[in-house]
Amino acid sequence: MNPADLRYTKDHEWIAMEGSLAVVGISNHAQQALGDITFVDLPKAGKTLKSHDVLGVVESVKAASDIFAPIAGTVAAVNEALNASPELINQDPCGRGWICKLSGVSTVDLGRLMTLVQYEAHCAREK
């Protein structure tokens, strides 16, 4: 996935539409701040989430960090590869390191998230 095509949250999650499913992950900025990721607590398939609900946890050598749902939806799939290889998030955060896919999402909600330019400006203000 091309980072310019994604939408971002202030909490450093990204989202991309893949047909009717919304793919969710954490940004490159987030994985760099966390350092080497050692464990990912994935959400359960079928779980219904509201926007900003905790959908999982990423643990690294530095800290544990909640992952928030960027928009409301139902967990349709999780990236099982992260169970054996959580470092995929470090290696390819906007691709093979995706965390889950949500169904039943509103594209109106998607439009409320930040573009890459807006997200980069947000990250610059955080420093």
N, C-alpha and C. Protein backbone atom coordinates (compact mmCIF):
# COMPACT_ATOMS: atom_id res chain seq x y z
N MET A 1 0.83 -1.18 0.00
CA MET A 1 0.00 0.00 0.00
C MET A 1 0.87 1.24 0.00
N ASN A 2 0.46 2.22 -0.72
CA ASN A 2 1.18 3.48 -0.81
C ASN A 2 0.73 4.39 0.33
N PRO A 3 1.65 4.83 1.21
CA PRO A 3 1.26 5.69 2.33
C PRO A 3 0.46 6.93 1.92
N ALA A 4 0.66 7.45 0.70
CA ALA A 4 -0.09 8.62 0.26
C ALA A 4 -1.56 8.30 0.02
N ASP A 5 -1.88 7.02 -0.18
CA ASP A 5 -3.26 6.61 -0.43
C ASP A 5 -4.02 6.26 0.84
N LEU A 6 -3.32 6.23 1.97
CA LEU A 6 -3.93 5.85 3.24
C LEU A 6 -4.53 7.06 3.93
N ARG A 7 -5.37 6.79 4.92
CA ARG A 7 -5.88 7.83 5.82
C ARG A 7 -5.32 7.52 7.20
N TYR A 8 -5.13 8.54 8.01
CA TYR A 8 -4.43 8.40 9.28
C TYR A 8 -5.21 9.01 10.44
N THR A 9 -4.92 8.51 11.65
CA THR A 9 -5.52 9.07 12.86
C THR A 9 -4.43 9.78 13.67
N LYS A 10 -4.86 10.60 14.61
CA LYS A 10 -3.91 11.29 15.49
C LYS A 10 -3.18 10.31 16.40
N ASP A 11 -3.74 9.10 16.55
CA ASP A 11 -3.12 8.07 17.37
C ASP A 11 -2.19 7.16 16.57
N HIS A 12 -1.95 7.50 15.31
CA HIS A 12 -0.95 6.84 14.45
C HIS A 12 -1.40 5.51 13.85
N GLU A 13 -2.70 5.32 13.71
CA GLU A 13 -3.19 4.19 12.93
C GLU A 13 -3.43 4.67 11.50
N TRP A 14 -3.39 3.73 10.58
CA TRP A 14 -3.74 4.04 9.19
C TRP A 14 -4.87 3.12 8.76
N ILE A 15 -5.55 3.53 7.71
CA ILE A 15 -6.65 2.75 7.18
C ILE A 15 -6.66 2.90 5.66
N ALA A 16 -6.99 1.82 4.98
CA ALA A 16 -7.09 1.83 3.52
C ALA A 16 -8.27 0.96 3.12
N MET A 17 -8.99 1.37 2.12
CA MET A 17 -10.10 0.57 1.63
C MET A 17 -9.58 -0.47 0.64
N GLU A 18 -10.05 -1.69 0.82
CA GLU A 18 -9.73 -2.82 -0.06
C GLU A 18 -11.09 -3.43 -0.42
N GLY A 19 -11.68 -2.90 -1.48
CA GLY A 19 -13.05 -3.29 -1.79
C GLY A 19 -13.97 -2.72 -0.73
N SER A 20 -14.78 -3.57 -0.10
CA SER A 20 -15.68 -3.11 0.96
C SER A 20 -15.06 -3.23 2.34
N LEU A 21 -13.83 -3.72 2.42
CA LEU A 21 -13.16 -3.88 3.71
C LEU A 21 -12.17 -2.73 3.95
N ALA A 22 -12.05 -2.36 5.21
CA ALA A 22 -11.08 -1.34 5.61
C ALA A 22 -9.91 -2.05 6.29
N VAL A 23 -8.72 -1.93 5.71
CA VAL A 23 -7.51 -2.53 6.27
C VAL A 23 -6.92 -1.53 7.27
N VAL A 24 -6.54 -2.02 8.45
CA VAL A 24 -6.04 -1.16 9.53
C VAL A 24 -4.63 -1.61 9.93
N GLY A 25 -3.78 -0.63 10.20
CA GLY A 25 -2.43 -0.89 10.70
C GLY A 25 -1.93 0.30 11.48
N ILE A 26 -0.67 0.23 11.90
CA ILE A 26 -0.06 1.39 12.55
C ILE A 26 0.94 2.00 11.58
N SER A 27 1.14 3.29 11.72
CA SER A 27 1.97 4.04 10.78
C SER A 27 3.46 3.74 10.95
N ASN A 28 4.21 4.11 9.95
CA ASN A 28 5.66 4.00 10.01
C ASN A 28 6.19 4.83 11.18
N HIS A 29 5.63 6.00 11.37
CA HIS A 29 6.02 6.86 12.49
C HIS A 29 5.84 6.11 13.82
N ALA A 30 4.71 5.42 13.98
CA ALA A 30 4.43 4.70 15.23
C ALA A 30 5.40 3.55 15.43
N GLN A 31 5.65 2.77 14.39
CA GLN A 31 6.55 1.62 14.56
C GLN A 31 7.96 2.07 14.85
N GLN A 32 8.38 3.21 14.28
CA GLN A 32 9.72 3.73 14.58
C GLN A 32 9.81 4.17 16.04
N ALA A 33 8.75 4.82 16.54
CA ALA A 33 8.74 5.29 17.92
C ALA A 33 8.74 4.11 18.91
N LEU A 34 8.06 3.02 18.54
CA LEU A 34 7.98 1.86 19.42
C LEU A 34 9.28 1.05 19.44
N GLY A 35 10.01 1.04 18.35
CA GLY A 35 11.19 0.19 18.27
C GLY A 35 10.80 -1.22 17.85
N ASP A 36 11.66 -2.18 18.16
CA ASP A 36 11.43 -3.56 17.73
C ASP A 36 10.16 -4.13 18.36
N ILE A 37 9.20 -4.49 17.52
CA ILE A 37 7.93 -5.03 18.00
C ILE A 37 8.11 -6.52 18.29
N THR A 38 7.67 -6.92 19.49
CA THR A 38 7.88 -8.29 19.95
C THR A 38 6.59 -9.09 20.07
N PHE A 39 5.44 -8.43 20.11
CA PHE A 39 4.16 -9.13 20.28
C PHE A 39 3.03 -8.23 19.83
N VAL A 40 2.00 -8.84 19.23
CA VAL A 40 0.80 -8.11 18.85
C VAL A 40 -0.41 -8.88 19.38
N ASP A 41 -1.23 -8.21 20.17
CA ASP A 41 -2.48 -8.79 20.65
C ASP A 41 -3.55 -8.40 19.64
N LEU A 42 -3.93 -9.35 18.80
CA LEU A 42 -4.87 -9.09 17.71
C LEU A 42 -6.31 -9.14 18.20
N PRO A 43 -7.21 -8.38 17.55
CA PRO A 43 -8.63 -8.46 17.92
C PRO A 43 -9.22 -9.79 17.46
N LYS A 44 -10.36 -10.12 18.00
CA LYS A 44 -11.05 -11.35 17.61
C LYS A 44 -11.96 -11.08 16.41
N ALA A 45 -11.92 -11.98 15.45
CA ALA A 45 -12.82 -11.87 14.30
C ALA A 45 -14.25 -11.86 14.80
N GLY A 46 -15.06 -11.00 14.20
CA GLY A 46 -16.46 -10.87 14.59
C GLY A 46 -16.72 -9.79 15.63
N LYS A 47 -15.67 -9.25 16.23
CA LYS A 47 -15.82 -8.21 17.24
C LYS A 47 -16.28 -6.91 16.58
N THR A 48 -17.31 -6.31 17.15
CA THR A 48 -17.81 -5.02 16.64
C THR A 48 -17.14 -3.91 17.42
N LEU A 49 -16.63 -2.94 16.69
CA LEU A 49 -15.88 -1.83 17.29
C LEU A 49 -16.52 -0.50 16.94
N LYS A 50 -16.51 0.41 17.90
CA LYS A 50 -16.87 1.79 17.63
C LYS A 50 -15.57 2.54 17.33
N SER A 51 -15.69 3.66 16.68
CA SER A 51 -14.51 4.48 16.42
C SER A 51 -13.80 4.78 17.74
N HIS A 52 -12.52 4.58 17.76
CA HIS A 52 -11.61 4.83 18.88
C HIS A 52 -11.65 3.75 19.97
N ASP A 53 -12.39 2.65 19.75
CA ASP A 53 -12.30 1.52 20.68
C ASP A 53 -10.91 0.90 20.56
N VAL A 54 -10.41 0.34 21.65
CA VAL A 54 -9.15 -0.39 21.59
C VAL A 54 -9.39 -1.69 20.84
N LEU A 55 -8.63 -1.91 19.77
CA LEU A 55 -8.81 -3.14 19.00
C LEU A 55 -7.70 -4.14 19.26
N GLY A 56 -6.60 -3.69 19.86
CA GLY A 56 -5.50 -4.58 20.16
C GLY A 56 -4.37 -3.83 20.83
N VAL A 57 -3.26 -4.53 21.02
CA VAL A 57 -2.09 -3.95 21.68
C VAL A 57 -0.84 -4.39 20.92
N VAL A 58 0.10 -3.46 20.76
CA VAL A 58 1.40 -3.76 20.18
C VAL A 58 2.42 -3.61 21.30
N GLU A 59 3.24 -4.64 21.50
CA GLU A 59 4.29 -4.58 22.51
C GLU A 59 5.64 -4.54 21.81
N SER A 60 6.53 -3.73 22.36
CA SER A 60 7.86 -3.61 21.79
C SER A 60 8.89 -3.65 22.90
N VAL A 61 10.15 -3.55 22.53
CA VAL A 61 11.21 -3.52 23.53
C VAL A 61 11.12 -2.26 24.39
N LYS A 62 10.43 -1.23 23.89
CA LYS A 62 10.32 0.03 24.62
C LYS A 62 9.04 0.16 25.43
N ALA A 63 7.90 -0.32 24.89
CA ALA A 63 6.61 -0.06 25.54
C ALA A 63 5.52 -0.94 24.95
N ALA A 64 4.38 -0.90 25.61
CA ALA A 64 3.16 -1.50 25.05
C ALA A 64 2.25 -0.33 24.68
N SER A 65 1.58 -0.45 23.56
CA SER A 65 0.75 0.64 23.07
C SER A 65 -0.57 0.10 22.54
N ASP A 66 -1.67 0.74 22.96
CA ASP A 66 -2.98 0.36 22.45
C ASP A 66 -3.09 0.73 20.97
N ILE A 67 -3.84 -0.08 20.24
CA ILE A 67 -4.19 0.21 18.86
C ILE A 67 -5.68 0.53 18.87
N PHE A 68 -6.04 1.67 18.29
CA PHE A 68 -7.43 2.10 18.30
C PHE A 68 -8.07 1.91 16.93
N ALA A 69 -9.36 1.62 16.95
CA ALA A 69 -10.11 1.50 15.70
C ALA A 69 -10.25 2.89 15.08
N PRO A 70 -9.77 3.09 13.86
CA PRO A 70 -9.88 4.41 13.24
C PRO A 70 -11.33 4.80 12.94
N ILE A 71 -12.16 3.80 12.64
CA ILE A 71 -13.58 4.01 12.37
C ILE A 71 -14.35 2.80 12.89
N ALA A 72 -15.66 2.93 12.97
CA ALA A 72 -16.50 1.83 13.43
C ALA A 72 -16.58 0.73 12.37
N GLY A 73 -16.69 -0.51 12.84
CA GLY A 73 -16.83 -1.64 11.94
C GLY A 73 -16.73 -2.94 12.70
N THR A 74 -16.81 -4.03 11.98
CA THR A 74 -16.72 -5.37 12.55
C THR A 74 -15.45 -6.04 12.03
N VAL A 75 -14.70 -6.65 12.93
CA VAL A 75 -13.45 -7.30 12.53
C VAL A 75 -13.80 -8.48 11.62
N ALA A 76 -13.39 -8.38 10.37
CA ALA A 76 -13.66 -9.42 9.37
C ALA A 76 -12.49 -10.38 9.23
N ALA A 77 -11.28 -9.89 9.49
CA ALA A 77 -10.07 -10.72 9.36
C ALA A 77 -8.97 -10.10 10.20
N VAL A 78 -8.04 -10.93 10.65
CA VAL A 78 -6.85 -10.45 11.35
C VAL A 78 -5.62 -11.02 10.65
N ASN A 79 -4.52 -10.34 10.80
CA ASN A 79 -3.27 -10.77 10.17
C ASN A 79 -2.59 -11.81 11.06
N GLU A 80 -2.96 -13.07 10.87
CA GLU A 80 -2.43 -14.16 11.68
C GLU A 80 -0.91 -14.28 11.59
N ALA A 81 -0.32 -13.78 10.50
CA ALA A 81 1.14 -13.85 10.35
C ALA A 81 1.85 -13.10 11.46
N LEU A 82 1.18 -12.12 12.08
CA LEU A 82 1.80 -11.34 13.15
C LEU A 82 2.00 -12.17 14.42
N ASN A 83 1.24 -13.25 14.57
CA ASN A 83 1.42 -14.12 15.75
C ASN A 83 2.83 -14.71 15.77
N ALA A 84 3.30 -15.15 14.63
CA ALA A 84 4.64 -15.76 14.54
C ALA A 84 5.71 -14.73 14.21
N SER A 85 5.33 -13.65 13.53
CA SER A 85 6.31 -12.66 13.07
C SER A 85 5.82 -11.23 13.31
N PRO A 86 5.76 -10.80 14.58
CA PRO A 86 5.30 -9.44 14.87
C PRO A 86 6.19 -8.37 14.24
N GLU A 87 7.44 -8.75 13.93
CA GLU A 87 8.37 -7.79 13.32
C GLU A 87 7.94 -7.36 11.92
N LEU A 88 6.95 -8.02 11.34
CA LEU A 88 6.42 -7.58 10.04
C LEU A 88 5.95 -6.13 10.11
N ILE A 89 5.48 -5.72 11.29
CA ILE A 89 5.06 -4.31 11.44
C ILE A 89 6.25 -3.38 11.28
N ASN A 90 7.40 -3.76 11.83
CA ASN A 90 8.60 -2.94 11.66
C ASN A 90 9.09 -2.97 10.21
N GLN A 91 9.03 -4.13 9.59
CA GLN A 91 9.56 -4.30 8.25
C GLN A 91 8.69 -3.65 7.17
N ASP A 92 7.37 -3.70 7.35
CA ASP A 92 6.44 -3.23 6.30
C ASP A 92 5.14 -2.78 6.95
N PRO A 93 5.17 -1.67 7.71
CA PRO A 93 4.00 -1.26 8.49
C PRO A 93 2.76 -0.94 7.65
N CYS A 94 2.96 -0.50 6.43
CA CYS A 94 1.83 -0.13 5.58
C CYS A 94 1.54 -1.18 4.51
N GLY A 95 2.00 -2.38 4.76
CA GLY A 95 1.80 -3.47 3.81
C GLY A 95 1.57 -4.77 4.56
N ARG A 96 2.59 -5.65 4.54
CA ARG A 96 2.46 -6.96 5.18
C ARG A 96 2.22 -6.88 6.69
N GLY A 97 2.48 -5.73 7.29
CA GLY A 97 2.28 -5.55 8.73
C GLY A 97 0.90 -5.05 9.12
N TRP A 98 -0.07 -5.17 8.21
CA TRP A 98 -1.44 -4.76 8.56
C TRP A 98 -1.92 -5.57 9.76
N ILE A 99 -2.89 -5.04 10.50
CA ILE A 99 -3.34 -5.70 11.73
C ILE A 99 -4.68 -6.39 11.57
N CYS A 100 -5.67 -5.69 11.02
CA CYS A 100 -6.97 -6.32 10.83
C CYS A 100 -7.71 -5.66 9.69
N LYS A 101 -8.81 -6.30 9.30
CA LYS A 101 -9.70 -5.75 8.28
C LYS A 101 -11.09 -5.63 8.89
N LEU A 102 -11.72 -4.48 8.64
CA LEU A 102 -13.04 -4.21 9.18
C LEU A 102 -14.08 -4.21 8.06
N SER A 103 -15.24 -4.78 8.36
CA SER A 103 -16.36 -4.72 7.42
C SER A 103 -17.43 -3.79 7.98
N GLY A 104 -18.36 -3.40 7.14
CA GLY A 104 -19.46 -2.56 7.58
C GLY A 104 -19.04 -1.15 7.96
N VAL A 105 -18.02 -0.64 7.29
CA VAL A 105 -17.52 0.70 7.62
C VAL A 105 -18.20 1.76 6.76
N SER A 106 -18.21 2.98 7.26
CA SER A 106 -18.79 4.11 6.55
C SER A 106 -17.69 4.91 5.87
N THR A 107 -17.83 5.11 4.56
CA THR A 107 -16.83 5.92 3.85
C THR A 107 -16.92 7.38 4.28
N VAL A 108 -18.04 7.79 4.85
CA VAL A 108 -18.14 9.15 5.39
C VAL A 108 -17.15 9.29 6.55
N ASP A 109 -17.09 8.28 7.42
CA ASP A 109 -16.14 8.30 8.54
C ASP A 109 -14.70 8.32 8.03
N LEU A 110 -14.45 7.58 6.98
CA LEU A 110 -13.11 7.52 6.38
C LEU A 110 -12.66 8.91 5.93
N GLY A 111 -13.58 9.68 5.37
CA GLY A 111 -13.27 11.02 4.90
C GLY A 111 -12.90 12.00 5.99
N ARG A 112 -13.19 11.64 7.23
CA ARG A 112 -12.87 12.52 8.37
C ARG A 112 -11.44 12.33 8.87
N LEU A 113 -10.75 11.32 8.37
CA LEU A 113 -9.39 11.05 8.80
C LEU A 113 -8.38 11.89 8.01
N MET A 114 -7.15 11.95 8.48
CA MET A 114 -6.12 12.80 7.87
C MET A 114 -5.52 12.17 6.61
N THR A 115 -5.18 13.03 5.68
CA THR A 115 -4.38 12.62 4.52
C THR A 115 -2.93 12.51 4.98
N LEU A 116 -2.07 12.00 4.13
CA LEU A 116 -0.65 11.88 4.48
C LEU A 116 -0.05 13.25 4.80
N VAL A 117 -0.36 14.26 4.02
CA VAL A 117 0.18 15.61 4.26
C VAL A 117 -0.28 16.13 5.62
N GLN A 118 -1.55 15.96 5.93
CA GLN A 118 -2.07 16.40 7.22
C GLN A 118 -1.43 15.60 8.36
N TYR A 119 -1.26 14.30 8.16
CA TYR A 119 -0.67 13.45 9.18
C TYR A 119 0.79 13.82 9.43
N GLU A 120 1.55 14.06 8.38
CA GLU A 120 2.95 14.46 8.56
C GLU A 120 3.05 15.78 9.32
N ALA A 121 2.14 16.71 9.05
CA ALA A 121 2.11 17.98 9.80
C ALA A 121 1.77 17.72 11.27
N HIS A 122 0.84 16.81 11.52
CA HIS A 122 0.47 16.43 12.89
C HIS A 122 1.69 15.85 13.62
N CYS A 123 2.41 14.96 12.97
CA CYS A 123 3.60 14.34 13.59
C CYS A 123 4.67 15.38 13.87
N ALA A 124 4.84 16.33 12.99
CA ALA A 124 5.84 17.39 13.18
C ALA A 124 5.48 18.26 14.39
N ARG A 125 4.19 18.50 14.60
CA ARG A 125 3.74 19.29 15.76
C ARG A 125 3.94 18.53 17.07
N GLU A 126 3.91 17.20 17.03
CA GLU A 126 4.07 16.39 18.23
C GLU A 126 5.49 16.41 18.78
N LYS A 127 6.46 16.70 17.95
CA LYS A 127 7.88 16.64 18.36
C LYS A 127 8.25 17.74 19.30
